[in-house]
PDB file of N, CA and C in Angstrom:
ATOM      1  N   MET A   1       1.794  24.833 -31.446  1.00  0.00           N
ATOM      2  CA  MET A   1       1.681  24.049 -30.234  1.00  0.00           C
ATOM      3  C   MET A   1       0.520  23.056 -30.389  1.00  0.00           C
ATOM      4  N   ALA A   2       0.733  21.868 -29.851  1.00  0.00           N
ATOM      5  CA  ALA A   2      -0.309  20.846 -29.880  1.00  0.00           C
ATOM      6  C   ALA A   2      -0.337  20.142 -28.531  1.00  0.00           C
ATOM      7  N   LYS A   3      -1.507  19.753 -28.123  1.00  0.00           N
ATOM      8  CA  LYS A   3      -1.644  19.009 -26.867  1.00  0.00           C
ATOM      9  C   LYS A   3      -1.208  17.567 -27.094  1.00  0.00           C
ATOM     10  N   LEU A   4      -0.545  17.027 -26.103  1.00  0.00           N
ATOM     11  CA  LEU A   4      -0.027  15.667 -26.204  1.00  0.00           C
ATOM     12  C   LEU A   4      -1.132  14.666 -26.523  1.00  0.00           C
ATOM     13  N   TYR A   5      -2.294  14.866 -25.944  1.00  0.00           N
ATOM     14  CA  TYR A   5      -3.405  13.946 -26.185  1.00  0.00           C
ATOM     15  C   TYR A   5      -3.762  13.866 -27.671  1.00  0.00           C
ATOM     16  N   ASP A   6      -3.638  14.987 -28.377  1.00  0.00           N
ATOM     17  CA  ASP A   6      -3.960  15.014 -29.800  1.00  0.00           C
ATOM     18  C   ASP A   6      -2.858  14.414 -30.662  1.00  0.00           C
ATOM     19  N   LEU A   7      -1.686  14.241 -30.105  1.00  0.00           N
ATOM     20  CA  LEU A   7      -0.553  13.712 -30.869  1.00  0.00           C
ATOM     21  C   LEU A   7      -0.387  12.198 -30.736  1.00  0.00           C
ATOM     22  N   THR A   8      -0.992  11.633 -29.718  1.00  0.00           N
ATOM     23  CA  THR A   8      -0.832  10.194 -29.463  1.00  0.00           C
ATOM     24  C   THR A   8      -2.036   9.414 -29.971  1.00  0.00           C
ATOM     25  N   VAL A   9      -1.798   8.150 -30.293  1.00  0.00           N
ATOM     26  CA  VAL A   9      -2.919   7.274 -30.646  1.00  0.00           C
ATOM     27  C   VAL A   9      -3.400   6.508 -29.418  1.00  0.00           C
ATOM     28  N   THR A  10      -2.515   6.324 -28.467  1.00  0.00           N
ATOM     29  CA  THR A  10      -2.865   5.691 -27.196  1.00  0.00           C
ATOM     30  C   THR A  10      -2.092   6.389 -26.093  1.00  0.00           C
ATOM     31  N   CYS A  11      -2.809   6.748 -25.049  1.00  0.00           N
ATOM     32  CA  CYS A  11      -2.208   7.335 -23.851  1.00  0.00           C
ATOM     33  C   CYS A  11      -2.875   6.613 -22.693  1.00  0.00           C
ATOM     34  N   ARG A  12      -2.102   5.798 -21.959  1.00  0.00           N
ATOM     35  CA  ARG A  12      -2.714   4.964 -20.919  1.00  0.00           C
ATOM     36  C   ARG A  12      -1.779   4.815 -19.727  1.00  0.00           C
ATOM     37  N   SER A  13      -2.359   4.383 -18.629  1.00  0.00           N
ATOM     38  CA  SER A  13      -1.563   4.059 -17.440  1.00  0.00           C
ATOM     39  C   SER A  13      -2.064   2.727 -16.899  1.00  0.00           C
ATOM     40  N   LYS A  14      -1.170   2.053 -16.189  1.00  0.00           N
ATOM     41  CA  LYS A  14      -1.534   0.739 -15.647  1.00  0.00           C
ATOM     42  C   LYS A  14      -0.540   0.344 -14.561  1.00  0.00           C
ATOM     43  N   ASN A  15      -0.918  -0.688 -13.839  1.00  0.00           N
ATOM     44  CA  ASN A  15      -0.011  -1.244 -12.840  1.00  0.00           C
ATOM     45  C   ASN A  15       1.216  -1.834 -13.520  1.00  0.00           C
ATOM     46  N   ALA A  16       2.319  -1.705 -12.848  1.00  0.00           N
ATOM     47  CA  ALA A  16       3.549  -2.374 -13.272  1.00  0.00           C
ATOM     48  C   ALA A  16       4.067  -3.122 -12.045  1.00  0.00           C
ATOM     49  N   GLY A  17       3.199  -3.929 -11.483  1.00  0.00           N
ATOM     50  CA  GLY A  17       3.515  -4.630 -10.243  1.00  0.00           C
ATOM     51  C   GLY A  17       2.901  -3.895  -9.070  1.00  0.00           C
ATOM     52  N   PRO A  18       3.074  -4.409  -7.866  1.00  0.00           N
ATOM     53  CA  PRO A  18       2.431  -3.802  -6.698  1.00  0.00           C
ATOM     54  C   PRO A  18       3.052  -2.474  -6.253  1.00  0.00           C
ATOM     55  N   PHE A  19       4.253  -2.169  -6.744  1.00  0.00           N
ATOM     56  CA  PHE A  19       4.954  -0.981  -6.270  1.00  0.00           C
ATOM     57  C   PHE A  19       5.126   0.106  -7.321  1.00  0.00           C
ATOM     58  N   MET A  20       4.781  -0.180  -8.576  1.00  0.00           N
ATOM     59  CA  MET A  20       5.020   0.790  -9.645  1.00  0.00           C
ATOM     60  C   MET A  20       3.799   0.969 -10.540  1.00  0.00           C
ATOM     61  N   CYS A  21       3.752   2.137 -11.153  1.00  0.00           N
ATOM     62  CA  CYS A  21       2.747   2.488 -12.158  1.00  0.00           C
ATOM     63  C   CYS A  21       3.511   2.883 -13.413  1.00  0.00           C
ATOM     64  N   THR A  22       2.983   2.525 -14.565  1.00  0.00           N
ATOM     65  CA  THR A  22       3.629   2.926 -15.805  1.00  0.00           C
ATOM     66  C   THR A  22       2.617   3.607 -16.710  1.00  0.00           C
ATOM     67  N   MET A  23       3.086   4.596 -17.444  1.00  0.00           N
ATOM     68  CA  MET A  23       2.250   5.295 -18.415  1.00  0.00           C
ATOM     69  C   MET A  23       2.874   5.125 -19.784  1.00  0.00           C
ATOM     70  N   ASP A  24       2.044   4.821 -20.763  1.00  0.00           N
ATOM     71  CA  ASP A  24       2.515   4.581 -22.120  1.00  0.00           C
ATOM     72  C   ASP A  24       1.903   5.610 -23.056  1.00  0.00           C
ATOM     73  N   LEU A  25       2.752   6.208 -23.878  1.00  0.00           N
ATOM     74  CA  LEU A  25       2.319   7.148 -24.906  1.00  0.00           C
ATOM     75  C   LEU A  25       2.753   6.572 -26.242  1.00  0.00           C
ATOM     76  N   PHE A  26       1.793   6.200 -27.071  1.00  0.00           N
ATOM     77  CA  PHE A  26       2.096   5.618 -28.375  1.00  0.00           C
ATOM     78  C   PHE A  26       1.756   6.609 -29.482  1.00  0.00           C
ATOM     79  N   PHE A  27       2.623   6.690 -30.474  1.00  0.00           N
ATOM     80  CA  PHE A  27       2.456   7.577 -31.612  1.00  0.00           C
ATOM     81  C   PHE A  27       2.331   6.740 -32.878  1.00  0.00           C
ATOM     82  N   ASP A  28       1.654   7.290 -33.891  1.00  0.00           N
ATOM     83  CA  ASP A  28       1.565   6.575 -35.167  1.00  0.00           C
ATOM     84  C   ASP A  28       2.251   7.331 -36.299  1.00  0.00           C
ATOM     85  N   ASN A  29       2.941   8.417 -35.937  1.00  0.00           N
ATOM     86  CA  ASN A  29       3.644   9.226 -36.922  1.00  0.00           C
ATOM     87  C   ASN A  29       5.076   9.415 -36.448  1.00  0.00           C
ATOM     88  N   VAL A  30       6.033   8.923 -37.201  1.00  0.00           N
ATOM     89  CA  VAL A  30       7.434   8.965 -36.773  1.00  0.00           C
ATOM     90  C   VAL A  30       7.948  10.394 -36.642  1.00  0.00           C
ATOM     91  N   GLU A  31       7.486  11.304 -37.493  1.00  0.00           N
ATOM     92  CA  GLU A  31       7.928  12.703 -37.398  1.00  0.00           C
ATOM     93  C   GLU A  31       7.442  13.342 -36.106  1.00  0.00           C
ATOM     94  N   VAL A  32       6.198  13.098 -35.763  1.00  0.00           N
ATOM     95  CA  VAL A  32       5.642  13.639 -34.520  1.00  0.00           C
ATOM     96  C   VAL A  32       6.364  13.031 -33.320  1.00  0.00           C
ATOM     97  N   TYR A  33       6.542  11.722 -33.329  1.00  0.00           N
ATOM     98  CA  TYR A  33       7.252  11.053 -32.234  1.00  0.00           C
ATOM     99  C   TYR A  33       8.652  11.657 -32.056  1.00  0.00           C
ATOM    100  N   ASN A  34       9.372  11.823 -33.150  1.00  0.00           N
ATOM    101  CA  ASN A  34      10.729  12.370 -33.071  1.00  0.00           C
ATOM    102  C   ASN A  34      10.735  13.809 -32.561  1.00  0.00           C
ATOM    103  N   LYS A  35       9.728  14.598 -32.927  1.00  0.00           N
ATOM    104  CA  LYS A  35       9.655  15.980 -32.433  1.00  0.00           C
ATOM    105  C   LYS A  35       9.361  16.013 -30.938  1.00  0.00           C
ATOM    106  N   VAL A  36       8.459  15.149 -30.498  1.00  0.00           N
ATOM    107  CA  VAL A  36       8.159  15.080 -29.062  1.00  0.00           C
ATOM    108  C   VAL A  36       9.403  14.620 -28.302  1.00  0.00           C
ATOM    109  N   LYS A  37      10.076  13.631 -28.828  1.00  0.00           N
ATOM    110  CA  LYS A  37      11.309  13.128 -28.197  1.00  0.00           C
ATOM    111  C   LYS A  37      12.377  14.223 -28.154  1.00  0.00           C
ATOM    112  N   ALA A  38      12.541  14.946 -29.258  1.00  0.00           N
ATOM    113  CA  ALA A  38      13.565  16.001 -29.344  1.00  0.00           C
ATOM    114  C   ALA A  38      13.240  17.201 -28.458  1.00  0.00           C
ATOM    115  N   SER A  39      11.981  17.352 -28.082  1.00  0.00           N
ATOM    116  CA  SER A  39      11.605  18.485 -27.233  1.00  0.00           C
ATOM    117  C   SER A  39      12.243  18.381 -25.845  1.00  0.00           C
ATOM    118  N   ASN A  40      12.632  17.183 -25.464  1.00  0.00           N
ATOM    119  CA  ASN A  40      13.255  16.930 -24.150  1.00  0.00           C
ATOM    120  C   ASN A  40      12.388  17.404 -22.983  1.00  0.00           C
ATOM    121  N   ILE A  41      11.086  17.447 -23.195  1.00  0.00           N
ATOM    122  CA  ILE A  41      10.189  17.878 -22.128  1.00  0.00           C
ATOM    123  C   ILE A  41      10.039  16.805 -21.055  1.00  0.00           C
ATOM    124  N   PHE A  42      10.116  15.545 -21.461  1.00  0.00           N
ATOM    125  CA  PHE A  42       9.882  14.454 -20.513  1.00  0.00           C
ATOM    126  C   PHE A  42      11.173  14.092 -19.782  1.00  0.00           C
ATOM    127  N   THR A  43      11.379  14.776 -18.680  1.00  0.00           N
ATOM    128  CA  THR A  43      12.511  14.491 -17.803  1.00  0.00           C
ATOM    129  C   THR A  43      11.942  14.027 -16.468  1.00  0.00           C
ATOM    130  N   LYS A  44      12.782  13.460 -15.650  1.00  0.00           N
ATOM    131  CA  LYS A  44      12.337  13.046 -14.319  1.00  0.00           C
ATOM    132  C   LYS A  44      11.836  14.251 -13.517  1.00  0.00           C
ATOM    133  N   VAL A  45      12.527  15.369 -13.647  1.00  0.00           N
ATOM    134  CA  VAL A  45      12.135  16.578 -12.911  1.00  0.00           C
ATOM    135  C   VAL A  45      10.759  17.067 -13.373  1.00  0.00           C
ATOM    136  N   PHE A  46      10.540  17.094 -14.695  1.00  0.00           N
ATOM    137  CA  PHE A  46       9.249  17.524 -15.226  1.00  0.00           C
ATOM    138  C   PHE A  46       8.125  16.622 -14.722  1.00  0.00           C
ATOM    139  N   VAL A  47       8.335  15.323 -14.772  1.00  0.00           N
ATOM    140  CA  VAL A  47       7.310  14.372 -14.336  1.00  0.00           C
ATOM    141  C   VAL A  47       7.042  14.521 -12.837  1.00  0.00           C
ATOM    142  N   ALA A  48       8.095  14.659 -12.051  1.00  0.00           N
ATOM    143  CA  ALA A  48       7.921  14.843 -10.603  1.00  0.00           C
ATOM    144  C   ALA A  48       7.114  16.109 -10.318  1.00  0.00           C
ATOM    145  N   ASP A  49       7.399  17.196 -11.032  1.00  0.00           N
ATOM    146  CA  ASP A  49       6.643  18.437 -10.846  1.00  0.00           C
ATOM    147  C   ASP A  49       5.191  18.265 -11.287  1.00  0.00           C
ATOM    148  N   LEU A  50       4.984  17.625 -12.428  1.00  0.00           N
ATOM    149  CA  LEU A  50       3.634  17.423 -12.954  1.00  0.00           C
ATOM    150  C   LEU A  50       2.774  16.620 -11.983  1.00  0.00           C
ATOM    151  N   TYR A  51       3.367  15.600 -11.392  1.00  0.00           N
ATOM    152  CA  TYR A  51       2.619  14.727 -10.478  1.00  0.00           C
ATOM    153  C   TYR A  51       2.772  15.120  -9.009  1.00  0.00           C
ATOM    154  N   GLU A  52       3.448  16.233  -8.779  1.00  0.00           N
ATOM    155  CA  GLU A  52       3.648  16.756  -7.425  1.00  0.00           C
ATOM    156  C   GLU A  52       4.141  15.663  -6.486  1.00  0.00           C
ATOM    157  N   MET A  53       5.233  15.036  -6.897  1.00  0.00           N
ATOM    158  CA  MET A  53       5.817  13.954  -6.108  1.00  0.00           C
ATOM    159  C   MET A  53       7.322  14.176  -5.979  1.00  0.00           C
ATOM    160  N   PRO A  54       7.942  13.546  -5.004  1.00  0.00           N
ATOM    161  CA  PRO A  54       9.393  13.655  -4.886  1.00  0.00           C
ATOM    162  C   PRO A  54      10.084  13.062  -6.116  1.00  0.00           C
ATOM    163  N   LEU A  55      11.187  13.646  -6.501  1.00  0.00           N
ATOM    164  CA  LEU A  55      11.949  13.187  -7.659  1.00  0.00           C
ATOM    165  C   LEU A  55      12.321  11.710  -7.534  1.00  0.00           C
ATOM    166  N   LYS A  56      12.577  11.256  -6.327  1.00  0.00           N
ATOM    167  CA  LYS A  56      12.956   9.855  -6.117  1.00  0.00           C
ATOM    168  C   LYS A  56      11.835   8.883  -6.477  1.00  0.00           C
ATOM    169  N   ASN A  57      10.590   9.365  -6.575  1.00  0.00           N
ATOM    170  CA  ASN A  57       9.462   8.508  -6.930  1.00  0.00           C
ATOM    171  C   ASN A  57       9.298   8.325  -8.440  1.00  0.00           C
ATOM    172  N   VAL A  58      10.087   9.036  -9.228  1.00  0.00           N
ATOM    173  CA  VAL A  58      10.062   8.862 -10.681  1.00  0.00           C
ATOM    174  C   VAL A  58      11.170   7.875 -11.029  1.00  0.00           C
ATOM    175  N   TYR A  59      10.773   6.671 -11.386  1.00  0.00           N
ATOM    176  CA  TYR A  59      11.753   5.633 -11.719  1.00  0.00           C
ATOM    177  C   TYR A  59      12.481   5.964 -13.012  1.00  0.00           C
ATOM    178  N   GLY A  60      11.731   6.423 -14.021  1.00  0.00           N
ATOM    179  CA  GLY A  60      12.395   6.780 -15.262  1.00  0.00           C
ATOM    180  C   GLY A  60      11.442   7.126 -16.383  1.00  0.00           C
ATOM    181  N   VAL A  61      12.022   7.737 -17.412  1.00  0.00           N
ATOM    182  CA  VAL A  61      11.337   8.055 -18.658  1.00  0.00           C
ATOM    183  C   VAL A  61      12.114   7.340 -19.747  1.00  0.00           C
ATOM    184  N   PHE A  62      11.420   6.513 -20.519  1.00  0.00           N
ATOM    185  CA  PHE A  62      12.091   5.674 -21.509  1.00  0.00           C
ATOM    186  C   PHE A  62      11.475   5.886 -22.887  1.00  0.00           C
ATOM    187  N   TYR A  63      12.328   5.988 -23.887  1.00  0.00           N
ATOM    188  CA  TYR A  63      11.887   6.123 -25.276  1.00  0.00           C
ATOM    189  C   TYR A  63      12.094   4.785 -25.965  1.00  0.00           C
ATOM    190  N   VAL A  64      11.042   4.271 -26.568  1.00  0.00           N
ATOM    191  CA  VAL A  64      11.093   2.979 -27.244  1.00  0.00           C
ATOM    192  C   VAL A  64      10.879   3.256 -28.734  1.00  0.00           C
ATOM    193  N   ASP A  65      11.989   3.488 -29.426  1.00  0.00           N
ATOM    194  CA  ASP A  65      11.926   3.908 -30.820  1.00  0.00           C
ATOM    195  C   ASP A  65      11.269   2.874 -31.727  1.00  0.00           C
ATOM    196  N   ASP A  66      11.480   1.593 -31.452  1.00  0.00           N
ATOM    197  CA  ASP A  66      10.940   0.541 -32.321  1.00  0.00           C
ATOM    198  C   ASP A  66       9.424   0.591 -32.449  1.00  0.00           C
ATOM    199  N   CYS A  67       8.746   1.060 -31.403  1.00  0.00           N
ATOM    200  CA  CYS A  67       7.282   1.138 -31.479  1.00  0.00           C
ATOM    201  C   CYS A  67       6.778   2.565 -31.276  1.00  0.00           C
ATOM    202  N   MET A  68       7.669   3.543 -31.428  1.00  0.00           N
ATOM    203  CA  MET A  68       7.325   4.968 -31.302  1.00  0.00           C
ATOM    204  C   MET A  68       6.529   5.225 -30.023  1.00  0.00           C
ATOM    205  N   ALA A  69       7.144   4.917 -28.892  1.00  0.00           N
ATOM    206  CA  ALA A  69       6.458   5.046 -27.609  1.00  0.00           C
ATOM    207  C   ALA A  69       7.343   5.703 -26.563  1.00  0.00           C
ATOM    208  N   ILE A  70       6.701   6.333 -25.621  1.00  0.00           N
ATOM    209  CA  ILE A  70       7.364   6.884 -24.443  1.00  0.00           C
ATOM    210  C   ILE A  70       6.740   6.186 -23.244  1.00  0.00           C
ATOM    211  N   LYS A  71       7.578   5.672 -22.380  1.00  0.00           N
ATOM    212  CA  LYS A  71       7.109   4.976 -21.175  1.00  0.00           C
ATOM    213  C   LYS A  71       7.631   5.753 -19.966  1.00  0.00           C
ATOM    214  N   ILE A  72       6.718   6.066 -19.062  1.00  0.00           N
ATOM    215  CA  ILE A  72       7.061   6.777 -17.828  1.00  0.00           C
ATOM    216  C   ILE A  72       6.708   5.855 -16.671  1.00  0.00           C
ATOM    217  N   SER A  73       7.676   5.578 -15.817  1.00  0.00           N
ATOM    218  CA  SER A  73       7.441   4.665 -14.689  1.00  0.00           C
ATOM    219  C   SER A  73       7.624   5.401 -13.375  1.00  0.00           C
ATOM    220  N   LEU A  74       6.653   5.207 -12.493  1.00  0.00           N
ATOM    221  CA  LEU A  74       6.651   5.870 -11.186  1.00  0.00           C
ATOM    222  C   LEU A  74       6.518   4.837 -10.079  1.00  0.00           C
ATOM    223  N   TYR A  75       7.166   5.120  -8.959  1.00  0.00           N
ATOM    224  CA  TYR A  75       6.893   4.334  -7.758  1.00  0.00           C
ATOM    225  C   TYR A  75       5.581   4.845  -7.187  1.00  0.00           C
ATOM    226  N   LYS A  76       4.719   3.937  -6.789  1.00  0.00           N
ATOM    227  CA  LYS A  76       3.417   4.314  -6.262  1.00  0.00           C
ATOM    228  C   LYS A  76       3.551   4.939  -4.878  1.00  0.00           C
ATOM    229  N   GLU A  77       2.682   5.913  -4.632  1.00  0.00           N
ATOM    230  CA  GLU A  77       2.638   6.509  -3.296  1.00  0.00           C
ATOM    231  C   GLU A  77       2.126   5.484  -2.289  1.00  0.00           C
ATOM    232  N   TYR A  78       1.109   4.734  -2.713  1.00  0.00           N
ATOM    233  CA  TYR A  78       0.548   3.673  -1.882  1.00  0.00           C
ATOM    234  C   TYR A  78       0.534   2.383  -2.693  1.00  0.00           C
ATOM    235  N   ILE A  79       1.044   1.320  -2.124  1.00  0.00           N
ATOM    236  CA  ILE A  79       1.110   0.059  -2.858  1.00  0.00           C
ATOM    237  C   ILE A  79      -0.284  -0.546  -3.019  1.00  0.00           C
ATOM    238  N   VAL A  80      -0.397  -1.493  -3.933  1.00  0.00           N
ATOM    239  CA  VAL A  80      -1.661  -2.184  -4.155  1.00  0.00           C
ATOM    240  C   VAL A  80      -2.115  -2.820  -2.838  1.00  0.00           C
ATOM    241  N   GLY A  81      -3.376  -2.607  -2.515  1.00  0.00           N
ATOM    242  CA  GLY A  81      -3.939  -3.171  -1.297  1.00  0.00           C
ATOM    243  C   GLY A  81      -3.896  -2.240  -0.108  1.00  0.00           C
ATOM    244  N   ASP A  82      -3.135  -1.152  -0.195  1.00  0.00           N
ATOM    245  CA  ASP A  82      -3.080  -0.193   0.896  1.00  0.00           C
ATOM    246  C   ASP A  82      -4.434   0.513   1.018  1.00  0.00           C
ATOM    247  N   TYR A  83      -4.843   0.762   2.208  1.00  0.00           N
ATOM    248  CA  TYR A  83      -6.133   1.414   2.474  1.00  0.00           C
ATOM    249  C   TYR A  83      -6.250   2.761   1.763  1.00  0.00           C
ATOM    250  N   ASN A  84      -5.165   3.494   1.641  1.00  0.00           N
ATOM    251  CA  ASN A  84      -5.178   4.833   1.050  1.00  0.00           C
ATOM    252  C   ASN A  84      -5.093   4.844  -0.474  1.00  0.00           C
ATOM    253  N   ASN A  85      -4.914   3.693  -1.101  1.00  0.00           N
ATOM    254  CA  ASN A  85      -4.785   3.627  -2.553  1.00  0.00           C
ATOM    255  C   ASN A  85      -6.151   3.903  -3.194  1.00  0.00           C
ATOM    256  N   ARG A  86      -6.244   5.016  -3.961  1.00  0.00           N
ATOM    257  CA  ARG A  86      -7.517   5.419  -4.564  1.00  0.00           C
ATOM    258  C   ARG A  86      -7.695   4.911  -5.995  1.00  0.00           C
ATOM    259  N   ASP A  87      -6.643   4.410  -6.609  1.00  0.00           N
ATOM    260  CA  ASP A  87      -6.727   3.936  -7.994  1.00  0.00           C
ATOM    261  C   ASP A  87      -6.000   2.593  -8.062  1.00  0.00           C
ATOM    262  N   VAL A  88      -6.677   1.542  -7.654  1.00  0.00           N
ATOM    263  CA  VAL A  88      -6.073   0.225  -7.493  1.00  0.00           C
ATOM    264  C   VAL A  88      -5.373  -0.250  -8.762  1.00  0.00           C
ATOM    265  N   PHE A  89      -5.980  -0.004  -9.922  1.00  0.00           N
ATOM    266  CA  PHE A  89      -5.407  -0.473 -11.181  1.00  0.00           C
ATOM    267  C   PHE A  89      -4.529   0.571 -11.867  1.00  0.00           C
ATOM    268  N   ASN A  90      -4.403   1.745 -11.278  1.00  0.00           N
ATOM    269  CA  ASN A  90      -3.638   2.850 -11.850  1.00  0.00           C
ATOM    270  C   ASN A  90      -4.102   3.212 -13.257  1.00  0.00           C
ATOM    271  N   CYS A  91      -5.380   3.053 -13.511  1.00  0.00           N
ATOM    272  CA  CYS A  91      -5.901   3.268 -14.862  1.00  0.00           C
ATOM    273  C   CYS A  91      -6.198   4.730 -15.178  1.00  0.00           C
ATOM    274  N   MET A  92      -6.071   5.628 -14.225  1.00  0.00           N
ATOM    275  CA  MET A  92      -6.377   7.037 -14.484  1.00  0.00           C
ATOM    276  C   MET A  92      -5.174   7.956 -14.251  1.00  0.00           C
ATOM    277  N   GLN A  93      -4.016   7.400 -14.049  1.00  0.00           N
ATOM    278  CA  GLN A  93      -2.848   8.212 -13.714  1.00  0.00           C
ATOM    279  C   GLN A  93      -2.269   8.980 -14.898  1.00  0.00           C
ATOM    280  N   HIS A  94      -2.659   8.651 -16.095  1.00  0.00           N
ATOM    281  CA  HIS A  94      -2.134   9.318 -17.288  1.00  0.00           C
ATOM    282  C   HIS A  94      -2.830  10.649 -17.590  1.00  0.00           C
ATOM    283  N   ILE A  95      -3.928  10.935 -16.947  1.00  0.00           N
ATOM    284  CA  ILE A  95      -4.730  12.120 -17.255  1.00  0.00           C
ATOM    285  C   ILE A  95      -3.926  13.428 -17.200  1.00  0.00           C
ATOM    286  N   PRO A  96      -3.042  13.653 -16.227  1.00  0.00           N
ATOM    287  CA  PRO A  96      -2.273  14.910 -16.225  1.00  0.00           C
ATOM    288  C   PRO A  96      -1.405  15.117 -17.477  1.00  0.00           C
ATOM    289  N   LEU A  97      -1.119  14.059 -18.207  1.00  0.00           N
ATOM    290  CA  LEU A  97      -0.306  14.182 -19.421  1.00  0.00           C
ATOM    291  C   LEU A  97      -1.080  14.800 -20.587  1.00  0.00           C
ATOM    292  N   TYR A  98      -2.392  14.690 -20.575  1.00  0.00           N
ATOM    293  CA  TYR A  98      -3.226  15.108 -21.701  1.00  0.00           C
ATOM    294  C   TYR A  98      -2.965  16.535 -22.178  1.00  0.00           C
ATOM    295  N   ASP A  99      -2.863  17.460 -21.259  1.00  0.00           N
ATOM    296  CA  ASP A  99      -2.819  18.874 -21.613  1.00  0.00           C
ATOM    297  C   ASP A  99      -1.415  19.436 -21.793  1.00  0.00           C
ATOM    298  N   ILE A 100      -0.408  18.607 -21.751  1.00  0.00           N
ATOM    299  CA  ILE A 100       0.957  19.086 -21.992  1.00  0.00           C
ATOM    300  C   ILE A 100       1.036  19.578 -23.430  1.00  0.00           C
ATOM    301  N   GLU A 101       1.559  20.774 -23.613  1.00  0.00           N
ATOM    302  CA  GLU A 101       1.680  21.342 -24.953  1.00  0.00           C
ATOM    303  C   GLU A 101       3.091  21.142 -25.491  1.00  0.00           C
ATOM    304  N   ILE A 102       3.135  20.686 -26.727  1.00  0.00           N
ATOM    305  CA  ILE A 102       4.397  20.394 -27.414  1.00  0.00           C
ATOM    306  C   ILE A 102       4.494  21.305 -28.629  1.00  0.00           C
ATOM    307  N   ALA A 103       5.640  21.941 -28.786  1.00  0.00           N
ATOM    308  CA  ALA A 103       5.870  22.777 -29.976  1.00  0.00           C
ATOM    309  C   ALA A 103       6.240  21.861 -31.149  1.00  0.00           C
ATOM    310  N   LEU A 104       5.531  22.004 -32.241  1.00  0.00           N
ATOM    311  CA  LEU A 104       5.817  21.179 -33.422  1.00  0.00           C
ATOM    312  C   LEU A 104       6.416  22.000 -34.543  1.00  0.00           C
TER     313      LEU A 104
END
């Protein structure tokens, strides 16, 4: 087992417009990327549970084989500019992904 943070070269989150947040997981090893992809751990249900949000708020999980990346897109709970928005740039939303364990 390995933690996702140790398997990626970049793990980040950012705004994807005023209504969405996206998280990017980049790998530099094709074998590791393929094993993480084959694990099928990243589903909409898994992401919704991890972020304690309704399933409808998970826009999708996308695999980008050309650059060995996984992209997770979420609808924001609070849009940019909303008084309740605590992370305006969505730069810390990827943190819950760090400790996910993947069997290699």
